Amino acid sequence: MGIQAALDDPRLELYAGQSLIAGNEDWSVSALASEEEVAAASAAAGCYPLEAGSKDAALLVTLKPGVYTAQVRGGTGRAGVVLLEIHEVR
């Protein structure tokens, strides 16, 4: 997408209150969903395709109605620009 000063190696975390529900770093490696499931959900939501082997972070989770917080931080500890998208996938 050409984001300038993009955050290196982002880590995405999803919280309900103070409780961590899920986290991911390197979208193609997830305990919650396979690379194929994440890619298929991304395509179904009309997102840009995630590049195989990229350091992008992504989560595929089923949530109950409620209030959640998404937090992104750099794995390297450096600052950078992040584009965070949230999509409903059915």
PDB file of N, CA and C in Angstrom:
ATOM      1  N   MET A   1       0.815  -1.194   0.000  1.00  0.00           N
ATOM      2  CA  MET A   1       0.000   0.000   0.000  1.00  0.00           C
ATOM      3  C   MET A   1       0.854   1.250   0.000  1.00  0.00           C
ATOM      4  N   GLY A   2       2.085   1.135   0.319  1.00  0.00           N
ATOM      5  CA  GLY A   2       2.964   2.282   0.260  1.00  0.00           C
ATOM      6  C   GLY A   2       2.880   3.184   1.467  1.00  0.00           C
ATOM      7  N   ILE A   3       2.640   2.661   2.640  1.00  0.00           N
ATOM      8  CA  ILE A   3       2.607   3.478   3.849  1.00  0.00           C
ATOM      9  C   ILE A   3       4.036   3.859   4.205  1.00  0.00           C
ATOM     10  N   GLN A   4       4.283   5.149   4.321  1.00  0.00           N
ATOM     11  CA  GLN A   4       5.616   5.606   4.670  1.00  0.00           C
ATOM     12  C   GLN A   4       5.834   5.496   6.167  1.00  0.00           C
ATOM     13  N   ALA A   5       7.010   5.110   6.576  1.00  0.00           N
ATOM     14  CA  ALA A   5       7.400   4.946   7.982  1.00  0.00           C
ATOM     15  C   ALA A   5       6.533   3.903   8.680  1.00  0.00           C
ATOM     16  N   ALA A   6       6.207   2.821   7.955  1.00  0.00           N
ATOM     17  CA  ALA A   6       5.372   1.761   8.528  1.00  0.00           C
ATOM     18  C   ALA A   6       6.066   1.106   9.717  1.00  0.00           C
ATOM     19  N   LEU A   7       5.274   0.692  10.684  1.00  0.00           N
ATOM     20  CA  LEU A   7       5.781   0.030  11.875  1.00  0.00           C
ATOM     21  C   LEU A   7       6.406  -1.309  11.496  1.00  0.00           C
ATOM     22  N   ASP A   8       7.641  -1.521  11.923  1.00  0.00           N
ATOM     23  CA  ASP A   8       8.324  -2.791  11.679  1.00  0.00           C
ATOM     24  C   ASP A   8       7.731  -3.878  12.562  1.00  0.00           C
ATOM     25  N   ASP A   9       7.445  -5.027  11.995  1.00  0.00           N
ATOM     26  CA  ASP A   9       7.051  -6.213  12.752  1.00  0.00           C
ATOM     27  C   ASP A   9       5.964  -5.922  13.783  1.00  0.00           C
ATOM     28  N   PRO A  10       4.756  -5.486  13.340  1.00  0.00           N
ATOM     29  CA  PRO A  10       3.705  -5.139  14.292  1.00  0.00           C
ATOM     30  C   PRO A  10       3.156  -6.354  15.039  1.00  0.00           C
ATOM     31  N   ARG A  11       2.709  -6.115  16.255  1.00  0.00           N
ATOM     32  CA  ARG A  11       2.007  -7.117  17.059  1.00  0.00           C
ATOM     33  C   ARG A  11       0.628  -6.557  17.349  1.00  0.00           C
ATOM     34  N   LEU A  12      -0.414  -7.323  17.002  1.00  0.00           N
ATOM     35  CA  LEU A  12      -1.801  -6.940  17.215  1.00  0.00           C
ATOM     36  C   LEU A  12      -2.349  -7.705  18.411  1.00  0.00           C
ATOM     37  N   GLU A  13      -2.966  -6.976  19.338  1.00  0.00           N
ATOM     38  CA  GLU A  13      -3.569  -7.597  20.513  1.00  0.00           C
ATOM     39  C   GLU A  13      -5.002  -7.106  20.647  1.00  0.00           C
ATOM     40  N   LEU A  14      -5.905  -8.014  21.040  1.00  0.00           N
ATOM     41  CA  LEU A  14      -7.315  -7.701  21.211  1.00  0.00           C
ATOM     42  C   LEU A  14      -7.697  -7.959  22.670  1.00  0.00           C
ATOM     43  N   TYR A  15      -8.319  -6.952  23.284  1.00  0.00           N
ATOM     44  CA  TYR A  15      -8.667  -7.015  24.701  1.00  0.00           C
ATOM     45  C   TYR A  15     -10.168  -6.826  24.905  1.00  0.00           C
ATOM     46  N   ALA A  16     -10.683  -7.486  25.941  1.00  0.00           N
ATOM     47  CA  ALA A  16     -12.006  -7.204  26.501  1.00  0.00           C
ATOM     48  C   ALA A  16     -11.714  -6.721  27.915  1.00  0.00           C
ATOM     49  N   GLY A  17     -11.881  -5.430  28.146  1.00  0.00           N
ATOM     50  CA  GLY A  17     -11.459  -4.862  29.425  1.00  0.00           C
ATOM     51  C   GLY A  17      -9.950  -5.011  29.562  1.00  0.00           C
ATOM     52  N   GLN A  18      -9.501  -5.574  30.658  1.00  0.00           N
ATOM     53  CA  GLN A  18      -8.066  -5.793  30.892  1.00  0.00           C
ATOM     54  C   GLN A  18      -7.596  -7.160  30.400  1.00  0.00           C
ATOM     55  N   SER A  19      -8.527  -7.987  29.924  1.00  0.00           N
ATOM     56  CA  SER A  19      -8.202  -9.365  29.531  1.00  0.00           C
ATOM     57  C   SER A  19      -7.794  -9.460  28.068  1.00  0.00           C
ATOM     58  N   LEU A  20      -6.613 -10.018  27.840  1.00  0.00           N
ATOM     59  CA  LEU A  20      -6.151 -10.264  26.477  1.00  0.00           C
ATOM     60  C   LEU A  20      -6.929 -11.451  25.919  1.00  0.00           C
ATOM     61  N   ILE A  21      -7.619 -11.236  24.802  1.00  0.00           N
ATOM     62  CA  ILE A  21      -8.396 -12.295  24.154  1.00  0.00           C
ATOM     63  C   ILE A  21      -7.543 -13.029  23.133  1.00  0.00           C
ATOM     64  N   ALA A  22      -6.808 -12.260  22.336  1.00  0.00           N
ATOM     65  CA  ALA A  22      -6.002 -12.858  21.269  1.00  0.00           C
ATOM     66  C   ALA A  22      -4.907 -11.895  20.862  1.00  0.00           C
ATOM     67  N   GLY A  23      -3.844 -12.446  20.303  1.00  0.00           N
ATOM     68  CA  GLY A  23      -2.746 -11.639  19.794  1.00  0.00           C
ATOM     69  C   GLY A  23      -2.118 -12.320  18.603  1.00  0.00           C
ATOM     70  N   ASN A  24      -1.494 -11.529  17.747  1.00  0.00           N
ATOM     71  CA  ASN A  24      -0.825 -12.098  16.590  1.00  0.00           C
ATOM     72  C   ASN A  24       0.307 -11.198  16.145  1.00  0.00           C
ATOM     73  N   GLU A  25       1.320 -11.850  15.643  1.00  0.00           N
ATOM     74  CA  GLU A  25       2.484 -11.219  15.026  1.00  0.00           C
ATOM     75  C   GLU A  25       2.812 -12.148  13.861  1.00  0.00           C
ATOM     76  N   ASP A  26       3.007 -11.645  12.692  1.00  0.00           N
ATOM     77  CA  ASP A  26       3.241 -12.479  11.494  1.00  0.00           C
ATOM     78  C   ASP A  26       1.969 -13.265  11.170  1.00  0.00           C
ATOM     79  N   TRP A  27       1.076 -12.669  10.422  1.00  0.00           N
ATOM     80  CA  TRP A  27      -0.277 -13.159  10.168  1.00  0.00           C
ATOM     81  C   TRP A  27      -0.371 -14.613   9.741  1.00  0.00           C
ATOM     82  N   SER A  28       0.637 -15.122   9.059  1.00  0.00           N
ATOM     83  CA  SER A  28       0.538 -16.486   8.537  1.00  0.00           C
ATOM     84  C   SER A  28       0.825 -17.549   9.595  1.00  0.00           C
ATOM     85  N   VAL A  29       1.180 -17.117  10.800  1.00  0.00           N
ATOM     86  CA  VAL A  29       1.437 -18.048  11.904  1.00  0.00           C
ATOM     87  C   VAL A  29       0.474 -17.679  13.034  1.00  0.00           C
ATOM     88  N   SER A  30      -0.573 -18.473  13.203  1.00  0.00           N
ATOM     89  CA  SER A  30      -1.584 -18.168  14.207  1.00  0.00           C
ATOM     90  C   SER A  30      -2.072 -19.442  14.873  1.00  0.00           C
ATOM     91  N   ALA A  31      -2.296 -19.365  16.160  1.00  0.00           N
ATOM     92  CA  ALA A  31      -2.862 -20.500  16.893  1.00  0.00           C
ATOM     93  C   ALA A  31      -4.379 -20.553  16.717  1.00  0.00           C
ATOM     94  N   LEU A  32      -4.983 -19.455  16.271  1.00  0.00           N
ATOM     95  CA  LEU A  32      -6.437 -19.377  16.165  1.00  0.00           C
ATOM     96  C   LEU A  32      -6.978 -19.792  14.807  1.00  0.00           C
ATOM     97  N   ALA A  33      -6.211 -19.569  13.752  1.00  0.00           N
ATOM     98  CA  ALA A  33      -6.693 -19.855  12.398  1.00  0.00           C
ATOM     99  C   ALA A  33      -5.493 -20.137  11.492  1.00  0.00           C
ATOM    100  N   SER A  34      -5.729 -20.978  10.498  1.00  0.00           N
ATOM    101  CA  SER A  34      -4.652 -21.294   9.558  1.00  0.00           C
ATOM    102  C   SER A  34      -4.425 -20.129   8.600  1.00  0.00           C
ATOM    103  N   GLU A  35      -3.296 -20.156   7.927  1.00  0.00           N
ATOM    104  CA  GLU A  35      -2.977 -19.136   6.922  1.00  0.00           C
ATOM    105  C   GLU A  35      -4.067 -19.086   5.861  1.00  0.00           C
ATOM    106  N   GLU A  36      -4.561 -20.247   5.461  1.00  0.00           N
ATOM    107  CA  GLU A  36      -5.610 -20.318   4.438  1.00  0.00           C
ATOM    108  C   GLU A  36      -6.913 -19.702   4.930  1.00  0.00           C
ATOM    109  N   GLU A  37      -7.270 -19.948   6.206  1.00  0.00           N
ATOM    110  CA  GLU A  37      -8.495 -19.377   6.768  1.00  0.00           C
ATOM    111  C   GLU A  37      -8.411 -17.855   6.860  1.00  0.00           C
ATOM    112  N   VAL A  38      -7.269 -17.346   7.290  1.00  0.00           N
ATOM    113  CA  VAL A  38      -7.083 -15.894   7.395  1.00  0.00           C
ATOM    114  C   VAL A  38      -7.135 -15.268   6.004  1.00  0.00           C
ATOM    115  N   ALA A  39      -6.466 -15.873   5.035  1.00  0.00           N
ATOM    116  CA  ALA A  39      -6.466 -15.340   3.665  1.00  0.00           C
ATOM    117  C   ALA A  39      -7.871 -15.370   3.069  1.00  0.00           C
ATOM    118  N   ALA A  40      -8.623 -16.451   3.290  1.00  0.00           N
ATOM    119  CA  ALA A  40      -9.984 -16.555   2.760  1.00  0.00           C
ATOM    120  C   ALA A  40     -10.908 -15.517   3.403  1.00  0.00           C
ATOM    121  N   ALA A  41     -10.797 -15.328   4.714  1.00  0.00           N
ATOM    122  CA  ALA A  41     -11.613 -14.328   5.404  1.00  0.00           C
ATOM    123  C   ALA A  41     -11.264 -12.921   4.932  1.00  0.00           C
ATOM    124  N   SER A  42      -9.992 -12.667   4.727  1.00  0.00           N
ATOM    125  CA  SER A  42      -9.538 -11.376   4.229  1.00  0.00           C
ATOM    126  C   SER A  42     -10.129 -11.089   2.851  1.00  0.00           C
ATOM    127  N   ALA A  43     -10.086 -12.084   1.985  1.00  0.00           N
ATOM    128  CA  ALA A  43     -10.653 -11.930   0.634  1.00  0.00           C
ATOM    129  C   ALA A  43     -12.169 -11.742   0.694  1.00  0.00           C
ATOM    130  N   ALA A  44     -12.853 -12.503   1.563  1.00  0.00           N
ATOM    131  CA  ALA A  44     -14.311 -12.391   1.693  1.00  0.00           C
ATOM    132  C   ALA A  44     -14.726 -11.008   2.188  1.00  0.00           C
ATOM    133  N   ALA A  45     -13.887 -10.371   2.991  1.00  0.00           N
ATOM    134  CA  ALA A  45     -14.182  -9.037   3.512  1.00  0.00           C
ATOM    135  C   ALA A  45     -13.794  -7.937   2.526  1.00  0.00           C
ATOM    136  N   GLY A  46     -13.169  -8.316   1.409  1.00  0.00           N
ATOM    137  CA  GLY A  46     -12.764  -7.329   0.411  1.00  0.00           C
ATOM    138  C   GLY A  46     -11.483  -6.589   0.753  1.00  0.00           C
ATOM    139  N   CYS A  47     -10.650  -7.192   1.580  1.00  0.00           N
ATOM    140  CA  CYS A  47      -9.385  -6.562   1.992  1.00  0.00           C
ATOM    141  C   CYS A  47      -8.307  -6.778   0.934  1.00  0.00           C
ATOM    142  N   TYR A  48      -7.267  -5.971   1.006  1.00  0.00           N
ATOM    143  CA  TYR A  48      -6.090  -6.215   0.192  1.00  0.00           C
ATOM    144  C   TYR A  48      -5.504  -7.560   0.611  1.00  0.00           C
ATOM    145  N   PRO A  49      -4.995  -8.341  -0.333  1.00  0.00           N
ATOM    146  CA  PRO A  49      -4.412  -9.636   0.059  1.00  0.00           C
ATOM    147  C   PRO A  49      -3.158  -9.446   0.907  1.00  0.00           C
ATOM    148  N   LEU A  50      -3.010 -10.313   1.889  1.00  0.00           N
ATOM    149  CA  LEU A  50      -1.820 -10.299   2.729  1.00  0.00           C
ATOM    150  C   LEU A  50      -0.715 -11.053   2.005  1.00  0.00           C
ATOM    151  N   GLU A  51       0.465 -10.482   1.990  1.00  0.00           N
ATOM    152  CA  GLU A  51       1.601 -11.087   1.298  1.00  0.00           C
ATOM    153  C   GLU A  51       2.147 -12.259   2.107  1.00  0.00           C
ATOM    154  N   ALA A  52       2.302 -13.402   1.455  1.00  0.00           N
ATOM    155  CA  ALA A  52       2.839 -14.586   2.130  1.00  0.00           C
ATOM    156  C   ALA A  52       4.200 -14.267   2.738  1.00  0.00           C
ATOM    157  N   GLY A  53       4.386 -14.653   3.991  1.00  0.00           N
ATOM    158  CA  GLY A  53       5.657 -14.426   4.660  1.00  0.00           C
ATOM    159  C   GLY A  53       5.872 -13.020   5.180  1.00  0.00           C
ATOM    160  N   SER A  54       4.871 -12.137   5.015  1.00  0.00           N
ATOM    161  CA  SER A  54       5.049 -10.758   5.485  1.00  0.00           C
ATOM    162  C   SER A  54       4.949 -10.697   7.001  1.00  0.00           C
ATOM    163  N   LYS A  55       5.380  -9.585   7.561  1.00  0.00           N
ATOM    164  CA  LYS A  55       5.347  -9.363   9.007  1.00  0.00           C
ATOM    165  C   LYS A  55       4.027  -8.740   9.460  1.00  0.00           C
ATOM    166  N   ASP A  56       3.042  -8.631   8.551  1.00  0.00           N
ATOM    167  CA  ASP A  56       1.743  -8.075   8.927  1.00  0.00           C
ATOM    168  C   ASP A  56       1.097  -8.922  10.010  1.00  0.00           C
ATOM    169  N   ALA A  57       0.304  -8.291  10.871  1.00  0.00           N
ATOM    170  CA  ALA A  57      -0.423  -8.999  11.914  1.00  0.00           C
ATOM    171  C   ALA A  57      -1.904  -9.027  11.554  1.00  0.00           C
ATOM    172  N   ALA A  58      -2.568 -10.146  11.836  1.00  0.00           N
ATOM    173  CA  ALA A  58      -4.002 -10.277  11.571  1.00  0.00           C
ATOM    174  C   ALA A  58      -4.596 -11.273  12.560  1.00  0.00           C
ATOM    175  N   LEU A  59      -5.851 -11.035  12.909  1.00  0.00           N
ATOM    176  CA  LEU A  59      -6.584 -11.952  13.780  1.00  0.00           C
ATOM    177  C   LEU A  59      -7.890 -12.332  13.118  1.00  0.00           C
ATOM    178  N   LEU A  60      -8.292 -13.566  13.268  1.00  0.00           N
ATOM    179  CA  LEU A  60      -9.594 -14.047  12.838  1.00  0.00           C
ATOM    180  C   LEU A  60     -10.230 -14.647  14.083  1.00  0.00           C
ATOM    181  N   VAL A  61     -11.179 -13.911  14.671  1.00  0.00           N
ATOM    182  CA  VAL A  61     -11.784 -14.325  15.930  1.00  0.00           C
ATOM    183  C   VAL A  61     -13.307 -14.187  15.864  1.00  0.00           C
ATOM    184  N   THR A  62     -13.993 -14.996  16.632  1.00  0.00           N
ATOM    185  CA  THR A  62     -15.436 -14.889  16.801  1.00  0.00           C
ATOM    186  C   THR A  62     -15.669 -14.204  18.134  1.00  0.00           C
ATOM    187  N   LEU A  63     -16.418 -13.103  18.098  1.00  0.00           N
ATOM    188  CA  LEU A  63     -16.629 -12.294  19.298  1.00  0.00           C
ATOM    189  C   LEU A  63     -18.107 -12.195  19.636  1.00  0.00           C
ATOM    190  N   LYS A  64     -18.403 -12.166  20.912  1.00  0.00           N
ATOM    191  CA  LYS A  64     -19.741 -11.871  21.391  1.00  0.00           C
ATOM    192  C   LYS A  64     -19.929 -10.356  21.323  1.00  0.00           C
ATOM    193  N   PRO A  65     -21.188  -9.878  21.241  1.00  0.00           N
ATOM    194  CA  PRO A  65     -21.387  -8.421  21.278  1.00  0.00           C
ATOM    195  C   PRO A  65     -20.760  -7.843  22.537  1.00  0.00           C
ATOM    196  N   GLY A  66     -20.119  -6.703  22.388  1.00  0.00           N
ATOM    197  CA  GLY A  66     -19.476  -6.071  23.532  1.00  0.00           C
ATOM    198  C   GLY A  66     -18.498  -5.005  23.108  1.00  0.00           C
ATOM    199  N   VAL A  67     -17.710  -4.551  24.067  1.00  0.00           N
ATOM    200  CA  VAL A  67     -16.718  -3.509  23.841  1.00  0.00           C
ATOM    201  C   VAL A  67     -15.330  -4.153  23.865  1.00  0.00           C
ATOM    202  N   TYR A  68     -14.546  -3.857  22.855  1.00  0.00           N
ATOM    203  CA  TYR A  68     -13.215  -4.431  22.716  1.00  0.00           C
ATOM    204  C   TYR A  68     -12.219  -3.327  22.391  1.00  0.00           C
ATOM    205  N   THR A  69     -10.961  -3.587  22.687  1.00  0.00           N
ATOM    206  CA  THR A  69      -9.885  -2.666  22.357  1.00  0.00           C
ATOM    207  C   THR A  69      -8.841  -3.410  21.545  1.00  0.00           C
ATOM    208  N   ALA A  70      -8.453  -2.830  20.421  1.00  0.00           N
ATOM    209  CA  ALA A  70      -7.360  -3.375  19.613  1.00  0.00           C
ATOM    210  C   ALA A  70      -6.135  -2.506  19.862  1.00  0.00           C
ATOM    211  N   GLN A  71      -5.004  -3.163  20.077  1.00  0.00           N
ATOM    212  CA  GLN A  71      -3.762  -2.446  20.354  1.00  0.00           C
ATOM    213  C   GLN A  71      -2.678  -2.994  19.438  1.00  0.00           C
ATOM    214  N   VAL A  72      -1.937  -2.095  18.811  1.00  0.00           N
ATOM    215  CA  VAL A  72      -0.832  -2.493  17.933  1.00  0.00           C
ATOM    216  C   VAL A  72       0.446  -1.859  18.461  1.00  0.00           C
ATOM    217  N   ARG A  73       1.482  -2.672  18.550  1.00  0.00           N
ATOM    218  CA  ARG A  73       2.788  -2.160  18.961  1.00  0.00           C
ATOM    219  C   ARG A  73       3.863  -2.846  18.142  1.00  0.00           C
ATOM    220  N   GLY A  74       5.001  -2.236  18.088  1.00  0.00           N
ATOM    221  CA  GLY A  74       6.100  -2.788  17.308  1.00  0.00           C
ATOM    222  C   GLY A  74       6.870  -3.837  18.068  1.00  0.00           C
ATOM    223  N   GLY A  75       7.166  -4.925  17.414  1.00  0.00           N
ATOM    224  CA  GLY A  75       7.965  -5.976  18.019  1.00  0.00           C
ATOM    225  C   GLY A  75       9.402  -5.548  18.244  1.00  0.00           C
ATOM    226  N   THR A  76       9.848  -4.568  17.476  1.00  0.00           N
ATOM    227  CA  THR A  76      11.228  -4.091  17.591  1.00  0.00           C
ATOM    228  C   THR A  76      11.363  -2.961  18.600  1.00  0.00           C
ATOM    229  N   GLY A  77      10.224  -2.467  19.117  1.00  0.00           N
ATOM    230  CA  GLY A  77      10.259  -1.371  20.076  1.00  0.00           C
ATOM    231  C   GLY A  77      10.347   0.003  19.427  1.00  0.00           C
ATOM    232  N   ARG A  78      10.399   0.039  18.102  1.00  0.00           N
ATOM    233  CA  ARG A  78      10.465   1.326  17.402  1.00  0.00           C
ATOM    234  C   ARG A  78       9.064   1.794  17.041  1.00  0.00           C
ATOM    235  N   ALA A  79       8.914   3.093  16.830  1.00  0.00           N
ATOM    236  CA  ALA A  79       7.633   3.680  16.453  1.00  0.00           C
ATOM    237  C   ALA A  79       7.440   3.588  14.940  1.00  0.00           C
ATOM    238  N   GLY A  80       6.204   3.693  14.522  1.00  0.00           N
ATOM    239  CA  GLY A  80       5.897   3.687  13.103  1.00  0.00           C
ATOM    240  C   GLY A  80       4.417   3.899  12.869  1.00  0.00           C
ATOM    241  N   VAL A  81       4.036   3.989  11.617  1.00  0.00           N
ATOM    242  CA  VAL A  81       2.660   4.222  11.208  1.00  0.00           C
ATOM    243  C   VAL A  81       1.971   2.873  11.002  1.00  0.00           C
ATOM    244  N   VAL A  82       0.711   2.782  11.466  1.00  0.00           N
ATOM    245  CA  VAL A  82      -0.059   1.551  11.373  1.00  0.00           C
ATOM    246  C   VAL A  82      -1.402   1.847  10.726  1.00  0.00           C
ATOM    247  N   LEU A  83      -1.847   0.968   9.860  1.00  0.00           N
ATOM    248  CA  LEU A  83      -3.197   1.005   9.313  1.00  0.00           C
ATOM    249  C   LEU A  83      -3.924  -0.187   9.914  1.00  0.00           C
ATOM    250  N   LEU A  84      -4.936   0.077  10.730  1.00  0.00           N
ATOM    251  CA  LEU A  84      -5.699  -0.974  11.406  1.00  0.00           C
ATOM    252  C   LEU A  84      -7.095  -1.002  10.820  1.00  0.00           C
ATOM    253  N   GLU A  85      -7.511  -2.172  10.341  1.00  0.00           N
ATOM    254  CA  GLU A  85      -8.849  -2.348   9.794  1.00  0.00           C
ATOM    255  C   GLU A  85      -9.551  -3.443  10.569  1.00  0.00           C
ATOM    256  N   ILE A  86     -10.838  -3.250  10.811  1.00  0.00           N
ATOM    257  CA  ILE A  86     -11.661  -4.262  11.468  1.00  0.00           C
ATOM    258  C   ILE A  86     -12.833  -4.553  10.540  1.00  0.00           C
ATOM    259  N   HIS A  87     -13.034  -5.831  10.245  1.00  0.00           N
ATOM    260  CA  HIS A  87     -14.096  -6.237   9.326  1.00  0.00           C
ATOM    261  C   HIS A  87     -14.941  -7.336   9.932  1.00  0.00           C
ATOM    262  N   GLU A  88     -16.223  -7.323   9.602  1.00  0.00           N
ATOM    263  CA  GLU A  88     -17.100  -8.424   9.970  1.00  0.00           C
ATOM    264  C   GLU A  88     -17.099  -9.407   8.809  1.00  0.00           C
ATOM    265  N   VAL A  89     -16.839 -10.656   9.116  1.00  0.00           N
ATOM    266  CA  VAL A  89     -16.793 -11.707   8.092  1.00  0.00           C
ATOM    267  C   VAL A  89     -17.883 -12.706   8.419  1.00  0.00           C
ATOM    268  N   ARG A  90     -18.703 -13.005   7.450  1.00  0.00           N
ATOM    269  CA  ARG A  90     -19.803 -13.963   7.684  1.00  0.00           C
ATOM    270  C   ARG A  90     -19.609 -15.193   6.860  1.00  0.00           C
TER     271      ARG A  90
END
